[in-house]
Amino acid sequence: MTESPRRPLIRDFMENPMSGPEIEAKSMEIIKNEVGDHPFSEREWPIVSRMIHTTGDLDIAKNIHFSPDAITSAVAALKNCRPIIVDSNMIRSGISVFRLKSLCANYRRESILCHIADDDIEEEARRTMLPRSLLAIRKARTMLDGAIAAFGNAPVALMELNRMIIEEGVKPAVIIAMPVGFVHVVESKEELMKLGLPYIAIAGRRGGSPLAVSVINALCGLGHE
């Protein structure tokens, strides 16, 4: 005897449909309820909740850190169309130019700089046996002052930025420190958080390009307050 096919879940959904924005609003409500009491300010929480929404991981809230001036400095940089320096093309692709332009009409995709795949960087990496991410952030040196620097992949690039801050006096407007992995990851973030510049960081091994993207997109929303 042939078993009757199960009822697909989408049938239940179609009987009580929700739009994309309604699903997102419901998700944010669930996040708020499940996180409960938290130490984040009114301006920090939209960023934290967006990061949780991006990963589905409520526990990351315990490891998210903001310097006191991070959001103010980041939003001012966005409103002034400051460059965004990133360590992966995934971040470059994920940042919403539409949202950027809502704060500063002069923003373009070209305002988001990533040198990781440049031919000269690839050639220098082969010659020096150094990671491309380190060489890429060095190449961006002249653009870093007053810029937004976002790391979702490469702790070595973050360590090189830390060196430039310490030794060369480089001063980004804000550093979004979310490299992921097991080697140099924890240490690179800990070093950054002691340097006295504005930062938004997730301590520990967690991170990733989608988290860095979620932070920048959330900052754009805060710019309209």
N, C-alpha and C. Protein backbone atom coordinates (compact mmCIF):
# COMPACT_ATOMS: atom_id res chain seq x y z
N MET A 1 0.86 -1.19 0.00
CA MET A 1 0.00 0.00 0.00
C MET A 1 0.90 1.25 0.00
N THR A 2 0.63 2.16 -0.92
CA THR A 2 1.42 3.37 -1.04
C THR A 2 1.01 4.39 0.01
N GLU A 3 2.04 4.90 0.71
CA GLU A 3 1.77 5.93 1.72
C GLU A 3 1.39 7.24 1.07
N SER A 4 0.43 7.93 1.65
CA SER A 4 0.07 9.25 1.14
C SER A 4 1.22 10.22 1.38
N PRO A 5 1.49 11.08 0.42
CA PRO A 5 2.56 12.06 0.62
C PRO A 5 2.23 12.99 1.79
N ARG A 6 3.27 13.40 2.51
CA ARG A 6 3.05 14.31 3.62
C ARG A 6 2.62 15.67 3.09
N ARG A 7 1.93 16.41 3.93
CA ARG A 7 1.51 17.77 3.56
C ARG A 7 2.73 18.69 3.64
N PRO A 8 3.10 19.34 2.55
CA PRO A 8 4.25 20.25 2.59
C PRO A 8 4.00 21.42 3.55
N LEU A 9 5.02 21.82 4.26
CA LEU A 9 4.90 22.92 5.22
C LEU A 9 4.44 24.21 4.56
N ILE A 10 4.83 24.39 3.30
CA ILE A 10 4.48 25.64 2.63
C ILE A 10 2.97 25.81 2.51
N ARG A 11 2.23 24.70 2.55
CA ARG A 11 0.76 24.80 2.51
C ARG A 11 0.24 25.54 3.74
N ASP A 12 0.82 25.22 4.91
CA ASP A 12 0.41 25.93 6.12
C ASP A 12 0.76 27.41 6.03
N PHE A 13 1.96 27.68 5.50
CA PHE A 13 2.37 29.07 5.35
C PHE A 13 1.42 29.83 4.43
N MET A 14 1.02 29.21 3.33
CA MET A 14 0.16 29.90 2.37
C MET A 14 -1.23 30.15 2.93
N GLU A 15 -1.62 29.39 3.93
CA GLU A 15 -2.92 29.64 4.57
C GLU A 15 -2.85 30.85 5.51
N ASN A 16 -1.63 31.12 6.01
CA ASN A 16 -1.42 32.30 6.86
C ASN A 16 -0.14 33.00 6.41
N PRO A 17 -0.17 33.59 5.23
CA PRO A 17 1.07 34.12 4.66
C PRO A 17 1.59 35.34 5.41
N MET A 18 2.91 35.55 5.31
CA MET A 18 3.56 36.73 5.88
C MET A 18 4.48 37.30 4.81
N SER A 19 4.56 38.61 4.75
CA SER A 19 5.49 39.26 3.82
C SER A 19 6.91 39.17 4.37
N GLY A 20 7.88 39.47 3.51
CA GLY A 20 9.27 39.50 3.96
C GLY A 20 9.48 40.42 5.15
N PRO A 21 9.01 41.68 5.08
CA PRO A 21 9.17 42.59 6.23
C PRO A 21 8.48 42.07 7.49
N GLU A 22 7.34 41.41 7.32
CA GLU A 22 6.65 40.85 8.50
C GLU A 22 7.46 39.73 9.14
N ILE A 23 8.09 38.90 8.30
CA ILE A 23 8.94 37.82 8.83
C ILE A 23 10.13 38.41 9.58
N GLU A 24 10.72 39.46 9.00
CA GLU A 24 11.87 40.09 9.66
C GLU A 24 11.46 40.70 10.99
N ALA A 25 10.31 41.38 11.02
CA ALA A 25 9.84 41.99 12.26
C ALA A 25 9.57 40.93 13.33
N LYS A 26 8.99 39.81 12.90
CA LYS A 26 8.73 38.71 13.83
C LYS A 26 10.04 38.14 14.36
N SER A 27 11.04 38.03 13.48
CA SER A 27 12.35 37.53 13.89
C SER A 27 12.96 38.44 14.95
N MET A 28 12.87 39.74 14.73
CA MET A 28 13.45 40.69 15.67
C MET A 28 12.72 40.64 17.02
N GLU A 29 11.43 40.39 16.98
CA GLU A 29 10.65 40.26 18.21
C GLU A 29 11.10 39.02 18.99
N ILE A 30 11.33 37.92 18.27
CA ILE A 30 11.80 36.69 18.91
C ILE A 30 13.18 36.91 19.53
N ILE A 31 14.06 37.58 18.78
CA ILE A 31 15.41 37.86 19.29
C ILE A 31 15.32 38.68 20.57
N LYS A 32 14.52 39.72 20.55
CA LYS A 32 14.39 40.58 21.73
C LYS A 32 13.89 39.79 22.94
N ASN A 33 12.89 38.96 22.73
CA ASN A 33 12.31 38.18 23.83
C ASN A 33 13.28 37.13 24.35
N GLU A 34 14.02 36.50 23.45
CA GLU A 34 14.89 35.41 23.88
C GLU A 34 16.19 35.92 24.50
N VAL A 35 16.67 37.07 24.06
CA VAL A 35 17.86 37.64 24.69
C VAL A 35 17.52 38.17 26.08
N GLY A 36 16.36 38.79 26.20
CA GLY A 36 15.95 39.33 27.50
C GLY A 36 16.78 40.53 27.90
N ASP A 37 17.05 40.65 29.18
CA ASP A 37 17.84 41.79 29.67
C ASP A 37 19.25 41.74 29.08
N HIS A 38 19.77 42.91 28.73
CA HIS A 38 21.10 42.97 28.12
C HIS A 38 21.73 44.32 28.46
N PRO A 39 23.05 44.43 28.28
CA PRO A 39 23.74 45.66 28.69
C PRO A 39 23.84 46.72 27.59
N PHE A 40 23.22 46.49 26.44
CA PHE A 40 23.44 47.38 25.29
C PHE A 40 22.55 48.61 25.35
N SER A 41 23.08 49.71 24.83
CA SER A 41 22.32 50.96 24.79
C SER A 41 21.28 50.90 23.68
N GLU A 42 20.44 51.94 23.66
CA GLU A 42 19.39 52.02 22.63
C GLU A 42 19.97 52.04 21.22
N ARG A 43 21.13 52.64 21.05
CA ARG A 43 21.74 52.72 19.71
C ARG A 43 22.56 51.46 19.41
N GLU A 44 23.06 50.80 20.41
CA GLU A 44 23.83 49.57 20.19
C GLU A 44 22.94 48.39 19.85
N TRP A 45 21.77 48.33 20.46
CA TRP A 45 20.92 47.15 20.30
C TRP A 45 20.54 46.85 18.85
N PRO A 46 20.19 47.84 18.01
CA PRO A 46 19.88 47.51 16.61
C PRO A 46 21.02 46.80 15.88
N ILE A 47 22.25 47.15 16.24
CA ILE A 47 23.40 46.48 15.62
C ILE A 47 23.52 45.06 16.15
N VAL A 48 23.40 44.90 17.45
CA VAL A 48 23.50 43.56 18.05
C VAL A 48 22.40 42.65 17.52
N SER A 49 21.17 43.15 17.47
CA SER A 49 20.06 42.31 17.01
C SER A 49 20.22 41.94 15.54
N ARG A 50 20.79 42.85 14.75
CA ARG A 50 21.05 42.55 13.34
C ARG A 50 22.12 41.47 13.21
N MET A 51 23.12 41.51 14.06
CA MET A 51 24.16 40.48 14.05
C MET A 51 23.57 39.11 14.43
N ILE A 52 22.71 39.10 15.44
CA ILE A 52 22.06 37.85 15.84
C ILE A 52 21.18 37.33 14.72
N HIS A 53 20.45 38.23 14.09
CA HIS A 53 19.57 37.85 12.98
C HIS A 53 20.37 37.24 11.84
N THR A 54 21.56 37.78 11.61
CA THR A 54 22.41 37.31 10.51
C THR A 54 22.92 35.90 10.75
N THR A 55 23.20 35.58 12.01
CA THR A 55 23.82 34.29 12.33
C THR A 55 22.85 33.26 12.91
N GLY A 56 21.73 33.72 13.46
CA GLY A 56 20.84 32.81 14.19
C GLY A 56 21.43 32.38 15.52
N ASP A 57 22.43 33.10 16.01
CA ASP A 57 23.17 32.71 17.20
C ASP A 57 22.97 33.74 18.31
N LEU A 58 22.13 33.41 19.28
CA LEU A 58 21.86 34.34 20.38
C LEU A 58 23.08 34.54 21.27
N ASP A 59 23.93 33.53 21.34
CA ASP A 59 25.06 33.60 22.27
C ASP A 59 26.11 34.63 21.88
N ILE A 60 26.13 35.05 20.62
CA ILE A 60 27.17 36.01 20.24
C ILE A 60 26.98 37.35 20.97
N ALA A 61 25.77 37.61 21.45
CA ALA A 61 25.54 38.87 22.17
C ALA A 61 26.48 39.02 23.36
N LYS A 62 26.88 37.89 23.95
CA LYS A 62 27.76 37.95 25.12
C LYS A 62 29.16 38.45 24.77
N ASN A 63 29.52 38.40 23.49
CA ASN A 63 30.89 38.71 23.09
C ASN A 63 31.01 39.97 22.24
N ILE A 64 29.92 40.73 22.08
CA ILE A 64 29.96 41.93 21.25
C ILE A 64 30.34 43.13 22.12
N HIS A 65 31.31 43.89 21.64
CA HIS A 65 31.84 45.03 22.40
C HIS A 65 31.83 46.30 21.55
N PHE A 66 31.47 47.40 22.16
CA PHE A 66 31.48 48.72 21.53
C PHE A 66 32.36 49.65 22.34
N SER A 67 33.23 50.40 21.68
CA SER A 67 33.86 51.50 22.40
C SER A 67 32.80 52.59 22.57
N PRO A 68 32.95 53.47 23.57
CA PRO A 68 31.89 54.46 23.84
C PRO A 68 31.55 55.35 22.65
N ASP A 69 32.54 55.63 21.81
CA ASP A 69 32.35 56.58 20.71
C ASP A 69 32.15 55.90 19.36
N ALA A 70 32.00 54.59 19.34
CA ALA A 70 32.00 53.85 18.06
C ALA A 70 30.87 54.27 17.13
N ILE A 71 29.65 54.29 17.64
CA ILE A 71 28.51 54.54 16.76
C ILE A 71 28.50 55.99 16.28
N THR A 72 28.75 56.92 17.17
CA THR A 72 28.80 58.34 16.79
C THR A 72 29.83 58.57 15.71
N SER A 73 31.02 58.00 15.89
CA SER A 73 32.10 58.18 14.93
C SER A 73 31.79 57.51 13.59
N ALA A 74 31.22 56.31 13.66
CA ALA A 74 30.89 55.57 12.43
C ALA A 74 29.82 56.29 11.61
N VAL A 75 28.77 56.74 12.28
CA VAL A 75 27.68 57.42 11.57
C VAL A 75 28.17 58.73 10.95
N ALA A 76 29.01 59.47 11.67
CA ALA A 76 29.56 60.71 11.12
C ALA A 76 30.39 60.42 9.88
N ALA A 77 31.17 59.35 9.91
CA ALA A 77 31.99 58.98 8.75
C ALA A 77 31.11 58.62 7.55
N LEU A 78 30.03 57.89 7.81
CA LEU A 78 29.12 57.51 6.72
C LEU A 78 28.44 58.74 6.13
N LYS A 79 28.04 59.67 6.96
CA LYS A 79 27.38 60.87 6.46
C LYS A 79 28.34 61.76 5.67
N ASN A 80 29.63 61.58 5.92
CA ASN A 80 30.65 62.35 5.20
C ASN A 80 31.27 61.57 4.04
N CYS A 81 30.62 60.44 3.69
CA CYS A 81 31.06 59.65 2.54
C CYS A 81 32.52 59.18 2.65
N ARG A 82 32.94 58.88 3.86
CA ARG A 82 34.31 58.41 4.03
C ARG A 82 34.45 57.00 3.42
N PRO A 83 35.64 56.66 2.90
CA PRO A 83 35.83 55.35 2.29
C PRO A 83 35.60 54.22 3.30
N ILE A 84 35.23 53.07 2.78
CA ILE A 84 35.05 51.87 3.59
C ILE A 84 36.09 50.86 3.10
N ILE A 85 37.03 50.52 3.97
CA ILE A 85 38.11 49.60 3.62
C ILE A 85 37.77 48.23 4.19
N VAL A 86 37.72 47.20 3.36
CA VAL A 86 37.29 45.88 3.82
C VAL A 86 38.33 44.83 3.45
N ASP A 87 38.26 43.69 4.15
CA ASP A 87 39.28 42.67 3.93
C ASP A 87 38.80 41.51 3.07
N SER A 88 37.60 41.61 2.54
CA SER A 88 37.13 40.55 1.63
C SER A 88 36.13 41.13 0.64
N ASN A 89 36.12 40.56 -0.55
CA ASN A 89 35.15 41.00 -1.55
C ASN A 89 33.73 40.58 -1.19
N MET A 90 33.59 39.60 -0.29
CA MET A 90 32.25 39.25 0.19
C MET A 90 31.64 40.42 0.94
N ILE A 91 32.45 41.09 1.77
CA ILE A 91 31.94 42.26 2.48
C ILE A 91 31.62 43.36 1.47
N ARG A 92 32.49 43.56 0.53
CA ARG A 92 32.29 44.60 -0.48
C ARG A 92 30.98 44.38 -1.23
N SER A 93 30.67 43.13 -1.55
CA SER A 93 29.45 42.82 -2.28
C SER A 93 28.21 42.92 -1.41
N GLY A 94 28.37 42.63 -0.11
CA GLY A 94 27.21 42.57 0.76
C GLY A 94 26.72 43.91 1.27
N ILE A 95 27.60 44.90 1.34
CA ILE A 95 27.19 46.21 1.85
C ILE A 95 26.20 46.84 0.87
N SER A 96 25.12 47.36 1.39
CA SER A 96 24.08 47.97 0.56
C SER A 96 24.46 49.39 0.15
N VAL A 97 24.76 49.57 -1.13
CA VAL A 97 25.07 50.92 -1.61
C VAL A 97 23.83 51.80 -1.52
N PHE A 98 22.66 51.21 -1.69
CA PHE A 98 21.41 51.96 -1.54
C PHE A 98 21.34 52.58 -0.14
N ARG A 99 21.69 51.79 0.87
CA ARG A 99 21.67 52.32 2.24
C ARG A 99 22.75 53.37 2.44
N LEU A 100 23.92 53.14 1.89
CA LEU A 100 24.98 54.14 1.99
C LEU A 100 24.54 55.46 1.36
N LYS A 101 23.94 55.37 0.18
CA LYS A 101 23.51 56.59 -0.53
C LYS A 101 22.40 57.32 0.21
N SER A 102 21.67 56.61 1.04
CA SER A 102 20.62 57.28 1.82
C SER A 102 21.22 58.24 2.85
N LEU A 103 22.50 58.02 3.19
CA LEU A 103 23.19 58.92 4.11
C LEU A 103 24.07 59.93 3.39
N CYS A 104 24.64 59.51 2.26
CA CYS A 104 25.49 60.42 1.49
C CYS A 104 25.36 60.04 0.02
N ALA A 105 24.81 60.93 -0.77
CA ALA A 105 24.49 60.62 -2.17
C ALA A 105 25.72 60.32 -3.01
N ASN A 106 26.89 60.70 -2.54
CA ASN A 106 28.11 60.50 -3.33
C ASN A 106 28.69 59.09 -3.22
N TYR A 107 28.12 58.28 -2.36
CA TYR A 107 28.63 56.91 -2.23
C TYR A 107 28.41 56.13 -3.53
N ARG A 108 29.40 55.33 -3.87
CA ARG A 108 29.34 54.40 -5.01
C ARG A 108 29.91 53.07 -4.56
N ARG A 109 29.70 52.02 -5.35
CA ARG A 109 30.33 50.74 -5.04
C ARG A 109 31.85 50.91 -4.93
N GLU A 110 32.40 51.83 -5.73
CA GLU A 110 33.84 52.07 -5.72
C GLU A 110 34.32 52.73 -4.42
N SER A 111 33.38 53.22 -3.61
CA SER A 111 33.75 53.79 -2.32
C SER A 111 34.14 52.71 -1.32
N ILE A 112 33.79 51.47 -1.64
CA ILE A 112 34.12 50.33 -0.78
C ILE A 112 35.36 49.66 -1.38
N LEU A 113 36.48 49.75 -0.68
CA LEU A 113 37.76 49.34 -1.24
C LEU A 113 38.21 48.00 -0.68
N CYS A 114 38.59 47.09 -1.58
CA CYS A 114 39.17 45.82 -1.19
C CYS A 114 40.26 45.47 -2.19
N HIS A 115 41.50 45.39 -1.71
CA HIS A 115 42.64 45.15 -2.60
C HIS A 115 43.08 43.68 -2.62
N ILE A 116 42.33 42.81 -1.98
CA ILE A 116 42.77 41.44 -1.78
C ILE A 116 43.03 40.69 -3.09
N ALA A 117 42.27 41.04 -4.14
CA ALA A 117 42.42 40.32 -5.42
C ALA A 117 43.18 41.12 -6.47
N ASP A 118 43.79 42.24 -6.07
CA ASP A 118 44.55 43.05 -7.03
C ASP A 118 45.76 42.26 -7.55
N ASP A 119 46.08 42.45 -8.82
CA ASP A 119 47.19 41.70 -9.43
C ASP A 119 48.51 41.97 -8.71
N ASP A 120 48.77 43.24 -8.35
CA ASP A 120 50.04 43.54 -7.70
C ASP A 120 50.14 42.92 -6.31
N ILE A 121 49.00 42.81 -5.64
CA ILE A 121 48.98 42.17 -4.32
C ILE A 121 49.25 40.68 -4.45
N GLU A 122 48.64 40.06 -5.43
CA GLU A 122 48.87 38.63 -5.66
C GLU A 122 50.34 38.36 -5.98
N GLU A 123 50.92 39.21 -6.80
CA GLU A 123 52.33 39.04 -7.18
C GLU A 123 53.25 39.25 -5.97
N GLU A 124 52.96 40.27 -5.16
CA GLU A 124 53.80 40.54 -3.99
C GLU A 124 53.67 39.43 -2.96
N ALA A 125 52.48 38.86 -2.84
CA ALA A 125 52.27 37.75 -1.90
C ALA A 125 53.11 36.54 -2.29
N ARG A 126 53.19 36.26 -3.59
CA ARG A 126 54.02 35.15 -4.05
C ARG A 126 55.50 35.43 -3.78
N ARG A 127 55.90 36.68 -3.97
CA ARG A 127 57.31 37.04 -3.82
C ARG A 127 57.73 37.05 -2.35
N THR A 128 56.88 37.57 -1.49
CA THR A 128 57.25 37.74 -0.08
C THR A 128 56.80 36.59 0.81
N MET A 129 55.90 35.75 0.31
CA MET A 129 55.31 34.66 1.10
C MET A 129 54.51 35.20 2.29
N LEU A 130 53.97 36.41 2.16
CA LEU A 130 53.10 36.99 3.17
C LEU A 130 51.65 36.89 2.72
N PRO A 131 50.70 36.88 3.67
CA PRO A 131 49.29 36.80 3.30
C PRO A 131 48.86 38.02 2.47
N ARG A 132 48.00 37.78 1.49
CA ARG A 132 47.49 38.88 0.67
C ARG A 132 46.75 39.91 1.51
N SER A 133 46.06 39.43 2.56
CA SER A 133 45.28 40.35 3.38
C SER A 133 46.16 41.39 4.05
N LEU A 134 47.34 41.00 4.49
CA LEU A 134 48.28 41.94 5.11
C LEU A 134 48.73 42.99 4.09
N LEU A 135 49.09 42.52 2.91
CA LEU A 135 49.56 43.43 1.86
C LEU A 135 48.44 44.35 1.38
N ALA A 136 47.22 43.82 1.37
CA ALA A 136 46.08 44.62 0.90
C ALA A 136 45.79 45.78 1.83
N ILE A 137 45.86 45.56 3.15
CA ILE A 137 45.59 46.66 4.07
C ILE A 137 46.73 47.68 4.02
N ARG A 138 47.95 47.22 3.76
CA ARG A 138 49.07 48.15 3.57
C ARG A 138 48.82 49.04 2.35
N LYS A 139 48.30 48.45 1.30
CA LYS A 139 48.05 49.21 0.07
C LYS A 139 47.01 50.31 0.32
N ALA A 140 46.11 50.07 1.24
CA ALA A 140 45.06 51.05 1.55
C ALA A 140 45.52 52.12 2.53
N ARG A 141 46.78 52.13 2.89
CA ARG A 141 47.31 53.01 3.94
C ARG A 141 46.88 54.47 3.78
N THR A 142 46.97 55.01 2.58
CA THR A 142 46.68 56.44 2.39
C THR A 142 45.21 56.77 2.52
N MET A 143 44.34 55.74 2.52
CA MET A 143 42.90 55.97 2.60
C MET A 143 42.34 55.72 3.99
N LEU A 144 43.16 55.25 4.93
CA LEU A 144 42.64 54.76 6.20
C LEU A 144 42.25 55.85 7.19
N ASP A 145 42.93 56.99 7.18
CA ASP A 145 42.59 58.04 8.14
C ASP A 145 41.16 58.52 7.91
N GLY A 146 40.35 58.43 8.95
CA GLY A 146 38.95 58.87 8.85
C GLY A 146 38.04 57.90 8.16
N ALA A 147 38.56 56.73 7.75
CA ALA A 147 37.75 55.74 7.03
C ALA A 147 37.09 54.77 7.99
N ILE A 148 36.20 53.96 7.45
CA ILE A 148 35.63 52.82 8.17
C ILE A 148 36.41 51.59 7.71
N ALA A 149 37.03 50.89 8.65
CA ALA A 149 37.79 49.68 8.32
C ALA A 149 37.03 48.48 8.88
N ALA A 150 36.71 47.52 8.00
CA ALA A 150 35.89 46.39 8.41
C ALA A 150 36.59 45.07 8.09
N PHE A 151 36.72 44.22 9.11
CA PHE A 151 37.40 42.94 8.97
C PHE A 151 36.42 41.81 9.34
N GLY A 152 36.19 40.91 8.40
CA GLY A 152 35.34 39.76 8.67
C GLY A 152 36.01 38.45 8.36
N ASN A 153 37.28 38.54 7.95
CA ASN A 153 37.94 37.35 7.45
C ASN A 153 39.37 37.19 7.98
N ALA A 154 40.16 38.26 7.93
CA ALA A 154 41.61 38.13 8.04
C ALA A 154 42.19 38.78 9.30
N PRO A 155 42.51 37.98 10.32
CA PRO A 155 43.11 38.55 11.53
C PRO A 155 44.49 39.17 11.28
N VAL A 156 45.24 38.63 10.31
CA VAL A 156 46.56 39.20 10.02
C VAL A 156 46.41 40.63 9.50
N ALA A 157 45.37 40.88 8.71
CA ALA A 157 45.12 42.25 8.23
C ALA A 157 44.78 43.17 9.40
N LEU A 158 44.00 42.68 10.35
CA LEU A 158 43.68 43.49 11.52
C LEU A 158 44.94 43.77 12.34
N MET A 159 45.82 42.77 12.49
CA MET A 159 47.07 42.99 13.21
C MET A 159 47.94 44.03 12.51
N GLU A 160 47.95 44.01 11.18
CA GLU A 160 48.74 45.00 10.45
C GLU A 160 48.14 46.40 10.62
N LEU A 161 46.82 46.50 10.63
CA LEU A 161 46.21 47.80 10.92
C LEU A 161 46.58 48.25 12.33
N ASN A 162 46.53 47.32 13.29
CA ASN A 162 46.92 47.67 14.66
C ASN A 162 48.35 48.23 14.68
N ARG A 163 49.25 47.60 13.93
CA ARG A 163 50.63 48.09 13.87
C ARG A 163 50.67 49.50 13.31
N MET A 164 49.92 49.75 12.23
CA MET A 164 49.92 51.07 11.63
C MET A 164 49.36 52.13 12.59
N ILE A 165 48.39 51.73 13.40
CA ILE A 165 47.85 52.64 14.41
C ILE A 165 48.93 52.96 15.45
N ILE A 166 49.62 51.93 15.92
CA ILE A 166 50.63 52.10 16.97
C ILE A 166 51.87 52.83 16.44
N GLU A 167 52.37 52.41 15.29
CA GLU A 167 53.67 52.89 14.82
C GLU A 167 53.59 54.08 13.87
N GLU A 168 52.46 54.22 13.17
CA GLU A 168 52.38 55.26 12.14
C GLU A 168 51.30 56.30 12.43
N GLY A 169 50.54 56.09 13.51
CA GLY A 169 49.52 57.07 13.88
C GLY A 169 48.30 57.08 12.99
N VAL A 170 48.04 55.98 12.29
CA VAL A 170 46.84 55.89 11.46
C VAL A 170 45.60 55.96 12.36
N LYS A 171 44.56 56.68 11.89
CA LYS A 171 43.37 56.84 12.71
C LYS A 171 42.09 56.66 11.90
N PRO A 172 41.64 55.42 11.71
CA PRO A 172 40.33 55.21 11.10
C PRO A 172 39.23 55.81 11.98
N ALA A 173 38.10 56.13 11.37
CA ALA A 173 36.97 56.65 12.14
C ALA A 173 36.42 55.57 13.06
N VAL A 174 36.38 54.34 12.57
CA VAL A 174 35.91 53.21 13.37
C VAL A 174 36.48 51.94 12.76
N ILE A 175 36.75 50.94 13.60
CA ILE A 175 37.20 49.64 13.12
C ILE A 175 36.16 48.61 13.52
N ILE A 176 35.66 47.89 12.54
CA ILE A 176 34.71 46.80 12.77
C ILE A 176 35.54 45.51 12.73
N ALA A 177 35.77 44.94 13.91
CA ALA A 177 36.74 43.86 14.06
C ALA A 177 36.04 42.53 14.27
N MET A 178 35.85 41.79 13.17
CA MET A 178 35.14 40.52 13.24
C MET A 178 35.80 39.43 12.41
N PRO A 179 37.15 39.38 12.38
CA PRO A 179 37.78 38.26 11.69
C PRO A 179 37.40 36.96 12.41
N VAL A 180 37.42 35.87 11.67
CA VAL A 180 36.96 34.58 12.20
C VAL A 180 38.08 33.55 12.07
N GLY A 181 38.13 32.59 12.97
CA GLY A 181 39.10 31.51 12.82
C GLY A 181 39.78 31.14 14.11
N PHE A 182 40.98 30.54 13.98
CA PHE A 182 41.66 29.95 15.12
C PHE A 182 43.08 30.46 15.33
N VAL A 183 43.67 31.12 14.33
CA VAL A 183 45.06 31.57 14.43
C VAL A 183 45.09 33.10 14.41
N HIS A 184 45.62 33.71 15.46
CA HIS A 184 45.76 35.16 15.59
C HIS A 184 44.43 35.89 15.75
N VAL A 185 43.33 35.17 15.78
CA VAL A 185 42.01 35.83 15.77
C VAL A 185 41.73 36.53 17.10
N VAL A 186 41.81 35.77 18.18
CA VAL A 186 41.51 36.33 19.50
C VAL A 186 42.47 37.47 19.82
N GLU A 187 43.76 37.24 19.57
CA GLU A 187 44.79 38.22 19.92
C GLU A 187 44.65 39.51 19.13
N SER A 188 44.30 39.41 17.85
CA SER A 188 44.17 40.62 17.02
C SER A 188 43.07 41.53 17.54
N LYS A 189 41.97 40.93 17.98
CA LYS A 189 40.86 41.72 18.51
C LYS A 189 41.20 42.33 19.86
N GLU A 190 41.84 41.52 20.71
CA GLU A 190 42.21 42.02 22.03
C GLU A 190 43.19 43.20 21.92
N GLU A 191 44.14 43.10 20.99
CA GLU A 191 45.08 44.20 20.79
C GLU A 191 44.35 45.46 20.34
N LEU A 192 43.45 45.32 19.38
CA LEU A 192 42.70 46.48 18.89
C LEU A 192 41.96 47.18 20.01
N MET A 193 41.29 46.40 20.87
CA MET A 193 40.43 47.01 21.88
C MET A 193 41.20 47.76 22.96
N LYS A 194 42.53 47.68 22.91
CA LYS A 194 43.36 48.42 23.87
C LYS A 194 43.97 49.68 23.26
N LEU A 195 43.67 49.98 21.99
CA LEU A 195 44.37 51.06 21.29
C LEU A 195 43.71 52.43 21.42
N GLY A 196 42.50 52.47 21.97
CA GLY A 196 41.87 53.77 22.23
C GLY A 196 41.16 54.39 21.04
N LEU A 197 40.98 53.64 19.95
CA LEU A 197 40.22 54.15 18.80
C LEU A 197 38.82 53.54 18.81
N PRO A 198 37.86 54.18 18.11
CA PRO A 198 36.51 53.63 18.07
C PRO A 198 36.47 52.25 17.41
N TYR A 199 35.74 51.33 18.03
CA TYR A 199 35.64 49.98 17.46
C TYR A 199 34.30 49.34 17.81
N ILE A 200 33.91 48.41 16.96
CA ILE A 200 32.83 47.47 17.25
C ILE A 200 33.44 46.10 16.98
N ALA A 201 33.49 45.25 18.00
CA ALA A 201 34.21 43.99 17.86
C ALA A 201 33.41 42.84 18.47
N ILE A 202 33.67 41.65 17.95
CA ILE A 202 33.16 40.44 18.59
C ILE A 202 34.35 39.65 19.09
N ALA A 203 34.46 39.55 20.41
CA ALA A 203 35.61 38.88 21.02
C ALA A 203 35.56 37.38 20.74
N GLY A 204 36.73 36.76 20.85
CA GLY A 204 36.80 35.32 20.66
C GLY A 204 37.00 34.94 19.20
N ARG A 205 36.73 33.67 18.90
CA ARG A 205 36.99 33.13 17.57
C ARG A 205 35.89 33.41 16.56
N ARG A 206 34.71 33.78 17.04
CA ARG A 206 33.60 34.01 16.11
C ARG A 206 33.84 35.24 15.27
N GLY A 207 33.13 35.29 14.16
CA GLY A 207 33.21 36.44 13.26
C GLY A 207 32.73 36.03 11.90
N GLY A 208 33.21 36.72 10.87
CA GLY A 208 32.82 36.39 9.51
C GLY A 208 32.35 37.60 8.73
N SER A 209 32.51 37.53 7.43
CA SER A 209 32.12 38.64 6.56
C SER A 209 30.65 39.03 6.70
N PRO A 210 29.71 38.07 6.80
CA PRO A 210 28.30 38.48 6.96
C PRO A 210 28.06 39.33 8.19
N LEU A 211 28.81 39.08 9.28
CA LEU A 211 28.64 39.90 10.47
C LEU A 211 29.13 41.32 10.24
N ALA A 212 30.28 41.46 9.59
CA ALA A 212 30.79 42.80 9.28
C ALA A 212 29.80 43.57 8.41
N VAL A 213 29.23 42.88 7.43
CA VAL A 213 28.22 43.50 6.55
C VAL A 213 27.01 43.95 7.36
N SER A 214 26.55 43.07 8.25
CA SER A 214 25.35 43.39 9.03
C SER A 214 25.57 44.64 9.89
N VAL A 215 26.78 44.82 10.39
CA VAL A 215 27.08 45.99 11.23
C VAL A 215 27.01 47.26 10.39
N ILE A 216 27.63 47.26 9.23
CA ILE A 216 27.64 48.47 8.40
C ILE A 216 26.23 48.81 7.93
N ASN A 217 25.47 47.81 7.52
CA ASN A 217 24.10 48.08 7.09
C ASN A 217 23.26 48.61 8.23
N ALA A 218 23.47 48.08 9.45
CA ALA A 218 22.73 48.57 10.62
C ALA A 218 23.14 50.00 10.97
N LEU A 219 24.41 50.32 10.83
CA LEU A 219 24.88 51.69 11.08
C LEU A 219 24.20 52.69 10.14
N CYS A 220 23.98 52.25 8.91
CA CYS A 220 23.28 53.14 7.96
C CYS A 220 21.89 53.47 8.48
N GLY A 221 21.21 52.47 9.06
CA GLY A 221 19.89 52.73 9.64
C GLY A 221 19.96 53.72 10.79
N LEU A 222 20.97 53.60 11.62
CA LEU A 222 21.12 54.52 12.76
C LEU A 222 21.39 55.95 12.31
N GLY A 223 21.91 56.10 11.11
CA GLY A 223 22.21 57.43 10.59
C GLY A 223 20.97 58.25 10.31
N HIS A 224 19.79 57.64 10.32
CA HIS A 224 18.55 58.37 10.04
C HIS A 224 17.83 58.80 11.33
N GLU A 225 18.43 58.49 12.45
CA GLU A 225 17.76 58.84 13.73
C GLU A 225 17.93 60.33 14.04
